């Protein structure tokens, strides 16, 4: 991904759009009642997640494609740990 010309913000935006489109049928089918008790904590978590994803995408853009593929294939191992 070293020579990509896409902007990091655009990549993050498209990633979230497609994730939300994938979850939309589930949300329409189940219609969950959502209550947010701690709005400040929820907002802080969302901001930290966004910043973390920006850093992750920027780091991957600096690496050669073989390293990016190896890192992404090793993600299930890190989730187990």
PDB file of N, CA and C in Angstrom:
ATOM      1  N   UNK A   1       0.825  -1.195   0.000  1.00  0.00           N
ATOM      2  CA  UNK A   1       0.000   0.000   0.000  1.00  0.00           C
ATOM      3  C   UNK A   1       0.856   1.240   0.000  1.00  0.00           C
ATOM      4  N   UNK A   2       2.101   1.077  -0.306  1.00  0.00           N
ATOM      5  CA  UNK A   2       3.026   2.190  -0.202  1.00  0.00           C
ATOM      6  C   UNK A   2       2.716   3.312  -1.195  1.00  0.00           C
ATOM      7  N   UNK A   3       2.231   2.963  -2.372  1.00  0.00           N
ATOM      8  CA  UNK A   3       2.063   3.959  -3.414  1.00  0.00           C
ATOM      9  C   UNK A   3       0.609   4.296  -3.685  1.00  0.00           C
ATOM     10  N   UNK A   4      -0.239   4.198  -2.693  1.00  0.00           N
ATOM     11  CA  UNK A   4      -1.645   4.549  -2.884  1.00  0.00           C
ATOM     12  C   UNK A   4      -1.809   6.050  -2.850  1.00  0.00           C
ATOM     13  N   UNK A   5      -2.742   6.531  -3.644  1.00  0.00           N
ATOM     14  CA  UNK A   5      -2.969   7.970  -3.698  1.00  0.00           C
ATOM     15  C   UNK A   5      -4.246   8.374  -2.969  1.00  0.00           C
ATOM     16  N   UNK A   6      -4.925   7.424  -2.332  1.00  0.00           N
ATOM     17  CA  UNK A   6      -6.158   7.770  -1.628  1.00  0.00           C
ATOM     18  C   UNK A   6      -5.841   8.445  -0.291  1.00  0.00           C
ATOM     19  N   UNK A   7      -6.695   9.324   0.078  1.00  0.00           N
ATOM     20  CA  UNK A   7      -6.562  10.045   1.333  1.00  0.00           C
ATOM     21  C   UNK A   7      -6.989   9.124   2.484  1.00  0.00           C
ATOM     22  N   UNK A   8      -6.353   9.271   3.621  1.00  0.00           N
ATOM     23  CA  UNK A   8      -6.676   8.433   4.777  1.00  0.00           C
ATOM     24  C   UNK A   8      -8.099   8.673   5.258  1.00  0.00           C
ATOM     25  N   UNK A   9      -8.533   9.902   5.258  1.00  0.00           N
ATOM     26  CA  UNK A   9      -9.891  10.236   5.693  1.00  0.00           C
ATOM     27  C   UNK A   9     -10.913   9.586   4.756  1.00  0.00           C
ATOM     28  N   UNK A  10     -10.639   9.608   3.440  1.00  0.00           N
ATOM     29  CA  UNK A  10     -11.548   8.978   2.485  1.00  0.00           C
ATOM     30  C   UNK A  10     -11.624   7.474   2.707  1.00  0.00           C
ATOM     31  N   UNK A  11     -10.486   6.858   2.974  1.00  0.00           N
ATOM     32  CA  UNK A  11     -10.457   5.419   3.231  1.00  0.00           C
ATOM     33  C   UNK A  11     -11.267   5.082   4.476  1.00  0.00           C
ATOM     34  N   UNK A  12     -11.091   5.850   5.534  1.00  0.00           N
ATOM     35  CA  UNK A  12     -11.822   5.614   6.776  1.00  0.00           C
ATOM     36  C   UNK A  12     -13.323   5.844   6.580  1.00  0.00           C
ATOM     37  N   UNK A  13     -13.677   6.877   5.829  1.00  0.00           N
ATOM     38  CA  UNK A  13     -15.080   7.176   5.557  1.00  0.00           C
ATOM     39  C   UNK A  13     -15.735   6.025   4.787  1.00  0.00           C
ATOM     40  N   UNK A  14     -15.080   5.554   3.727  1.00  0.00           N
ATOM     41  CA  UNK A  14     -15.643   4.464   2.941  1.00  0.00           C
ATOM     42  C   UNK A  14     -15.734   3.175   3.749  1.00  0.00           C
ATOM     43  N   UNK A  15     -14.766   2.939   4.604  1.00  0.00           N
ATOM     44  CA  UNK A  15     -14.794   1.743   5.450  1.00  0.00           C
ATOM     45  C   UNK A  15     -16.018   1.762   6.366  1.00  0.00           C
ATOM     46  N   UNK A  16     -16.302   2.907   6.954  1.00  0.00           N
ATOM     47  CA  UNK A  16     -17.452   3.004   7.854  1.00  0.00           C
ATOM     48  C   UNK A  16     -18.779   2.980   7.090  1.00  0.00           C
ATOM     49  N   UNK A  17     -18.822   3.565   5.904  1.00  0.00           N
ATOM     50  CA  UNK A  17     -20.051   3.523   5.104  1.00  0.00           C
ATOM     51  C   UNK A  17     -20.407   2.081   4.753  1.00  0.00           C
ATOM     52  N   UNK A  18     -19.421   1.308   4.256  1.00  0.00           N
ATOM     53  CA  UNK A  18     -19.703  -0.071   3.878  1.00  0.00           C
ATOM     54  C   UNK A  18     -20.029  -0.938   5.090  1.00  0.00           C
ATOM     55  N   UNK A  19     -19.414  -0.676   6.228  1.00  0.00           N
ATOM     56  CA  UNK A  19     -19.740  -1.422   7.439  1.00  0.00           C
ATOM     57  C   UNK A  19     -21.178  -1.125   7.876  1.00  0.00           C
ATOM     58  N   UNK A  20     -21.570   0.130   7.809  1.00  0.00           N
ATOM     59  CA  UNK A  20     -22.942   0.488   8.187  1.00  0.00           C
ATOM     60  C   UNK A  20     -23.959  -0.081   7.209  1.00  0.00           C
ATOM     61  N   UNK A  21     -23.627  -0.106   5.917  1.00  0.00           N
ATOM     62  CA  UNK A  21     -24.536  -0.710   4.946  1.00  0.00           C
ATOM     63  C   UNK A  21     -24.694  -2.208   5.181  1.00  0.00           C
ATOM     64  N   UNK A  22     -23.617  -2.857   5.617  1.00  0.00           N
ATOM     65  CA  UNK A  22     -23.694  -4.285   5.905  1.00  0.00           C
ATOM     66  C   UNK A  22     -24.549  -4.552   7.142  1.00  0.00           C
ATOM     67  N   UNK A  23     -24.534  -3.651   8.112  1.00  0.00           N
ATOM     68  CA  UNK A  23     -25.309  -3.839   9.347  1.00  0.00           C
ATOM     69  C   UNK A  23     -26.748  -3.342   9.242  1.00  0.00           C
ATOM     70  N   UNK A  24     -27.055  -2.572   8.229  1.00  0.00           N
ATOM     71  CA  UNK A  24     -28.385  -1.974   8.109  1.00  0.00           C
ATOM     72  C   UNK A  24     -29.514  -3.005   8.056  1.00  0.00           C
ATOM     73  N   UNK A  25     -29.411  -4.094   7.284  1.00  0.00           N
ATOM     74  CA  UNK A  25     -30.510  -5.080   7.310  1.00  0.00           C
ATOM     75  C   UNK A  25     -30.733  -5.693   8.692  1.00  0.00           C
ATOM     76  N   UNK A  26     -29.664  -5.941   9.428  1.00  0.00           N
ATOM     77  CA  UNK A  26     -29.803  -6.492  10.772  1.00  0.00           C
ATOM     78  C   UNK A  26     -30.516  -5.509  11.696  1.00  0.00           C
ATOM     79  N   UNK A  27     -30.165  -4.241  11.600  1.00  0.00           N
ATOM     80  CA  UNK A  27     -30.810  -3.234  12.448  1.00  0.00           C
ATOM     81  C   UNK A  27     -32.275  -3.037  12.074  1.00  0.00           C
ATOM     82  N   UNK A  28     -32.580  -3.120  10.797  1.00  0.00           N
ATOM     83  CA  UNK A  28     -33.972  -2.980  10.371  1.00  0.00           C
ATOM     84  C   UNK A  28     -34.796  -4.186  10.830  1.00  0.00           C
ATOM     85  N   UNK A  29     -34.207  -5.360  10.755  1.00  0.00           N
ATOM     86  CA  UNK A  29     -34.933  -6.582  11.128  1.00  0.00           C
ATOM     87  C   UNK A  29     -35.186  -6.672  12.636  1.00  0.00           C
ATOM     88  N   UNK A  30     -34.191  -6.348  13.454  1.00  0.00           N
ATOM     89  CA  UNK A  30     -34.347  -6.524  14.896  1.00  0.00           C
ATOM     90  C   UNK A  30     -34.898  -5.294  15.605  1.00  0.00           C
ATOM     91  N   UNK A  31     -34.688  -4.119  15.063  1.00  0.00           N
ATOM     92  CA  UNK A  31     -35.122  -2.846  15.665  1.00  0.00           C
ATOM     93  C   UNK A  31     -34.799  -2.762  17.161  1.00  0.00           C
ATOM     94  N   UNK A  32     -33.497  -2.726  17.490  1.00  0.00           N
ATOM     95  CA  UNK A  32     -33.141  -2.685  18.916  1.00  0.00           C
ATOM     96  C   UNK A  32     -33.438  -1.318  19.526  1.00  0.00           C
ATOM     97  N   UNK A  33     -33.774  -1.333  20.810  1.00  0.00           N
ATOM     98  CA  UNK A  33     -33.965  -0.081  21.541  1.00  0.00           C
ATOM     99  C   UNK A  33     -32.608   0.324  22.100  1.00  0.00           C
ATOM    100  N   UNK A  34     -32.116   1.459  21.662  1.00  0.00           N
ATOM    101  CA  UNK A  34     -30.779   1.899  22.047  1.00  0.00           C
ATOM    102  C   UNK A  34     -30.897   3.021  23.069  1.00  0.00           C
ATOM    103  N   UNK A  35     -30.258   2.822  24.223  1.00  0.00           N
ATOM    104  CA  UNK A  35     -30.186   3.869  25.232  1.00  0.00           C
ATOM    105  C   UNK A  35     -28.717   4.096  25.568  1.00  0.00           C
ATOM    106  N   UNK A  36     -28.325   5.344  25.541  1.00  0.00           N
ATOM    107  CA  UNK A  36     -26.948   5.706  25.858  1.00  0.00           C
ATOM    108  C   UNK A  36     -26.955   6.360  27.236  1.00  0.00           C
ATOM    109  N   UNK A  37     -26.307   5.688  28.169  1.00  0.00           N
ATOM    110  CA  UNK A  37     -26.293   6.198  29.534  1.00  0.00           C
ATOM    111  C   UNK A  37     -25.172   7.204  29.765  1.00  0.00           C
ATOM    112  N   UNK A  38     -24.010   6.916  29.254  1.00  0.00           N
ATOM    113  CA  UNK A  38     -22.845   7.782  29.464  1.00  0.00           C
ATOM    114  C   UNK A  38     -22.408   8.367  28.128  1.00  0.00           C
ATOM    115  N   UNK A  39     -23.027   9.456  27.736  1.00  0.00           N
ATOM    116  CA  UNK A  39     -22.778  10.054  26.427  1.00  0.00           C
ATOM    117  C   UNK A  39     -21.326  10.522  26.308  1.00  0.00           C
ATOM    118  N   UNK A  40     -20.782  11.099  27.352  1.00  0.00           N
ATOM    119  CA  UNK A  40     -19.413  11.603  27.303  1.00  0.00           C
ATOM    120  C   UNK A  40     -18.407  10.465  27.092  1.00  0.00           C
ATOM    121  N   UNK A  41     -18.581   9.360  27.812  1.00  0.00           N
ATOM    122  CA  UNK A  41     -17.695   8.209  27.648  1.00  0.00           C
ATOM    123  C   UNK A  41     -17.834   7.581  26.261  1.00  0.00           C
ATOM    124  N   UNK A  42     -19.062   7.523  25.770  1.00  0.00           N
ATOM    125  CA  UNK A  42     -19.297   6.962  24.448  1.00  0.00           C
ATOM    126  C   UNK A  42     -18.632   7.823  23.368  1.00  0.00           C
ATOM    127  N   UNK A  43     -18.744   9.129  23.494  1.00  0.00           N
ATOM    128  CA  UNK A  43     -18.120  10.051  22.543  1.00  0.00           C
ATOM    129  C   UNK A  43     -16.600   9.933  22.602  1.00  0.00           C
ATOM    130  N   UNK A  44     -16.044   9.851  23.794  1.00  0.00           N
ATOM    131  CA  UNK A  44     -14.592   9.708  23.940  1.00  0.00           C
ATOM    132  C   UNK A  44     -14.108   8.404  23.319  1.00  0.00           C
ATOM    133  N   UNK A  45     -14.840   7.331  23.509  1.00  0.00           N
ATOM    134  CA  UNK A  45     -14.478   6.047  22.915  1.00  0.00           C
ATOM    135  C   UNK A  45     -14.522   6.129  21.392  1.00  0.00           C
ATOM    136  N   UNK A  46     -15.529   6.802  20.834  1.00  0.00           N
ATOM    137  CA  UNK A  46     -15.645   6.937  19.389  1.00  0.00           C
ATOM    138  C   UNK A  46     -14.490   7.764  18.813  1.00  0.00           C
ATOM    139  N   UNK A  47     -14.108   8.826  19.515  1.00  0.00           N
ATOM    140  CA  UNK A  47     -12.987   9.657  19.053  1.00  0.00           C
ATOM    141  C   UNK A  47     -11.682   8.875  19.106  1.00  0.00           C
ATOM    142  N   UNK A  48     -11.466   8.131  20.177  1.00  0.00           N
ATOM    143  CA  UNK A  48     -10.242   7.334  20.292  1.00  0.00           C
ATOM    144  C   UNK A  48     -10.199   6.242  19.218  1.00  0.00           C
ATOM    145  N   UNK A  49     -11.336   5.621  18.938  1.00  0.00           N
ATOM    146  CA  UNK A  49     -11.386   4.609  17.876  1.00  0.00           C
ATOM    147  C   UNK A  49     -11.053   5.242  16.526  1.00  0.00           C
ATOM    148  N   UNK A  50     -11.614   6.407  16.247  1.00  0.00           N
ATOM    149  CA  UNK A  50     -11.335   7.091  14.984  1.00  0.00           C
ATOM    150  C   UNK A  50      -9.869   7.460  14.841  1.00  0.00           C
ATOM    151  N   UNK A  51      -9.277   7.972  15.914  1.00  0.00           N
ATOM    152  CA  UNK A  51      -7.852   8.309  15.874  1.00  0.00           C
ATOM    153  C   UNK A  51      -6.978   7.069  15.709  1.00  0.00           C
ATOM    154  N   UNK A  52      -7.362   5.992  16.372  1.00  0.00           N
ATOM    155  CA  UNK A  52      -6.619   4.743  16.227  1.00  0.00           C
ATOM    156  C   UNK A  52      -6.686   4.208  14.808  1.00  0.00           C
ATOM    157  N   UNK A  53      -7.864   4.283  14.190  1.00  0.00           N
ATOM    158  CA  UNK A  53      -7.990   3.823  12.808  1.00  0.00           C
ATOM    159  C   UNK A  53      -7.201   4.712  11.849  1.00  0.00           C
ATOM    160  N   UNK A  54      -7.178   6.019  12.098  1.00  0.00           N
ATOM    161  CA  UNK A  54      -6.370   6.916  11.266  1.00  0.00           C
ATOM    162  C   UNK A  54      -4.889   6.556  11.357  1.00  0.00           C
ATOM    163  N   UNK A  55      -4.408   6.296  12.558  1.00  0.00           N
ATOM    164  CA  UNK A  55      -3.004   5.912  12.742  1.00  0.00           C
ATOM    165  C   UNK A  55      -2.716   4.575  12.070  1.00  0.00           C
ATOM    166  N   UNK A  56      -3.636   3.619  12.196  1.00  0.00           N
ATOM    167  CA  UNK A  56      -3.462   2.289  11.605  1.00  0.00           C
ATOM    168  C   UNK A  56      -3.384   2.381  10.079  1.00  0.00           C
ATOM    169  N   UNK A  57      -4.290   3.136   9.478  1.00  0.00           N
ATOM    170  CA  UNK A  57      -4.301   3.267   8.020  1.00  0.00           C
ATOM    171  C   UNK A  57      -3.062   4.006   7.535  1.00  0.00           C
ATOM    172  N   UNK A  58      -2.655   5.059   8.248  1.00  0.00           N
ATOM    173  CA  UNK A  58      -1.437   5.779   7.869  1.00  0.00           C
ATOM    174  C   UNK A  58      -0.210   4.886   7.973  1.00  0.00           C
ATOM    175  N   UNK A  59      -0.159   4.050   8.996  1.00  0.00           N
ATOM    176  CA  UNK A  59       0.987   3.145   9.145  1.00  0.00           C
ATOM    177  C   UNK A  59       1.015   2.119   8.018  1.00  0.00           C
ATOM    178  N   UNK A  60      -0.157   1.596   7.646  1.00  0.00           N
ATOM    179  CA  UNK A  60      -0.195   0.616   6.567  1.00  0.00           C
ATOM    180  C   UNK A  60       0.176   1.231   5.225  1.00  0.00           C
ATOM    181  N   UNK A  61      -0.127   2.507   5.047  1.00  0.00           N
ATOM    182  CA  UNK A  61       0.217   3.161   3.786  1.00  0.00           C
ATOM    183  C   UNK A  61       1.729   3.312   3.609  1.00  0.00           C
ATOM    184  N   UNK A  62       2.476   3.251   4.695  1.00  0.00           N
ATOM    185  CA  UNK A  62       3.931   3.413   4.615  1.00  0.00           C
ATOM    186  C   UNK A  62       4.658   2.101   4.346  1.00  0.00           C
ATOM    187  N   UNK A  63       3.969   0.972   4.479  1.00  0.00           N
ATOM    188  CA  UNK A  63       4.596  -0.345   4.361  1.00  0.00           C
ATOM    189  C   UNK A  63       4.446  -0.913   2.955  1.00  0.00           C
ATOM    190  N   UNK A  64       5.339  -1.819   2.569  1.00  0.00           N
ATOM    191  CA  UNK A  64       5.153  -2.533   1.307  1.00  0.00           C
ATOM    192  C   UNK A  64       3.929  -3.449   1.373  1.00  0.00           C
ATOM    193  N   UNK A  65       3.394  -3.799   0.213  1.00  0.00           N
ATOM    194  CA  UNK A  65       2.162  -4.571   0.155  1.00  0.00           C
ATOM    195  C   UNK A  65       2.284  -5.933   0.833  1.00  0.00           C
ATOM    196  N   UNK A  66       3.425  -6.592   0.703  1.00  0.00           N
ATOM    197  CA  UNK A  66       3.607  -7.911   1.326  1.00  0.00           C
ATOM    198  C   UNK A  66       3.513  -7.817   2.850  1.00  0.00           C
ATOM    199  N   UNK A  67       4.044  -6.774   3.428  1.00  0.00           N
ATOM    200  CA  UNK A  67       3.964  -6.601   4.885  1.00  0.00           C
ATOM    201  C   UNK A  67       2.536  -6.307   5.327  1.00  0.00           C
ATOM    202  N   UNK A  68       1.832  -5.531   4.542  1.00  0.00           N
ATOM    203  CA  UNK A  68       0.441  -5.204   4.879  1.00  0.00           C
ATOM    204  C   UNK A  68      -0.415  -6.470   4.871  1.00  0.00           C
ATOM    205  N   UNK A  69      -0.227  -7.313   3.861  1.00  0.00           N
ATOM    206  CA  UNK A  69      -0.991  -8.556   3.777  1.00  0.00           C
ATOM    207  C   UNK A  69      -0.641  -9.464   4.954  1.00  0.00           C
ATOM    208  N   UNK A  70       0.638  -9.559   5.294  1.00  0.00           N
ATOM    209  CA  UNK A  70       1.048 -10.403   6.423  1.00  0.00           C
ATOM    210  C   UNK A  70       0.455  -9.893   7.733  1.00  0.00           C
ATOM    211  N   UNK A  71       0.440  -8.599   7.937  1.00  0.00           N
ATOM    212  CA  UNK A  71      -0.136  -8.016   9.156  1.00  0.00           C
ATOM    213  C   UNK A  71      -1.639  -8.300   9.220  1.00  0.00           C
ATOM    214  N   UNK A  72      -2.332  -8.099   8.105  1.00  0.00           N
ATOM    215  CA  UNK A  72      -3.779  -8.316   8.108  1.00  0.00           C
ATOM    216  C   UNK A  72      -4.142  -9.788   8.280  1.00  0.00           C
ATOM    217  N   UNK A  73      -3.317 -10.706   7.778  1.00  0.00           N
ATOM    218  CA  UNK A  73      -3.579 -12.120   7.995  1.00  0.00           C
ATOM    219  C   UNK A  73      -3.277 -12.540   9.432  1.00  0.00           C
ATOM    220  N   UNK A  74      -2.448 -11.798  10.140  1.00  0.00           N
ATOM    221  CA  UNK A  74      -2.120 -12.164  11.521  1.00  0.00           C
ATOM    222  C   UNK A  74      -3.092 -11.554  12.537  1.00  0.00           C
ATOM    223  N   UNK A  75      -4.035 -10.771  12.103  1.00  0.00           N
ATOM    224  CA  UNK A  75      -4.975 -10.126  13.029  1.00  0.00           C
ATOM    225  C   UNK A  75      -5.770 -11.139  13.862  1.00  0.00           C
ATOM    226  N   UNK A  76      -6.255 -12.260  13.300  1.00  0.00           N
ATOM    227  CA  UNK A  76      -6.969 -13.234  14.155  1.00  0.00           C
ATOM    228  C   UNK A  76      -6.104 -13.780  15.284  1.00  0.00           C
ATOM    229  N   UNK A  77      -4.808 -13.895  15.059  1.00  0.00           N
ATOM    230  CA  UNK A  77      -3.922 -14.359  16.152  1.00  0.00           C
ATOM    231  C   UNK A  77      -3.868 -13.331  17.277  1.00  0.00           C
ATOM    232  N   UNK A  78      -3.854 -12.064  16.937  1.00  0.00           N
ATOM    233  CA  UNK A  78      -3.818 -11.013  17.960  1.00  0.00           C
ATOM    234  C   UNK A  78      -5.135 -10.916  18.705  1.00  0.00           C
ATOM    235  N   UNK A  79      -6.235 -11.199  18.027  1.00  0.00           N
ATOM    236  CA  UNK A  79      -7.546 -11.140  18.685  1.00  0.00           C
ATOM    237  C   UNK A  79      -7.643 -12.231  19.746  1.00  0.00           C
ATOM    238  N   UNK A  80      -7.087 -13.398  19.456  1.00  0.00           N
ATOM    239  CA  UNK A  80      -7.122 -14.496  20.422  1.00  0.00           C
ATOM    240  C   UNK A  80      -6.312 -14.153  21.676  1.00  0.00           C
ATOM    241  N   UNK A  81      -5.191 -13.463  21.490  1.00  0.00           N
ATOM    242  CA  UNK A  81      -4.365 -13.097  22.635  1.00  0.00           C
ATOM    243  C   UNK A  81      -5.068 -12.050  23.454  1.00  0.00           C
TER     244      UNK A  81
END
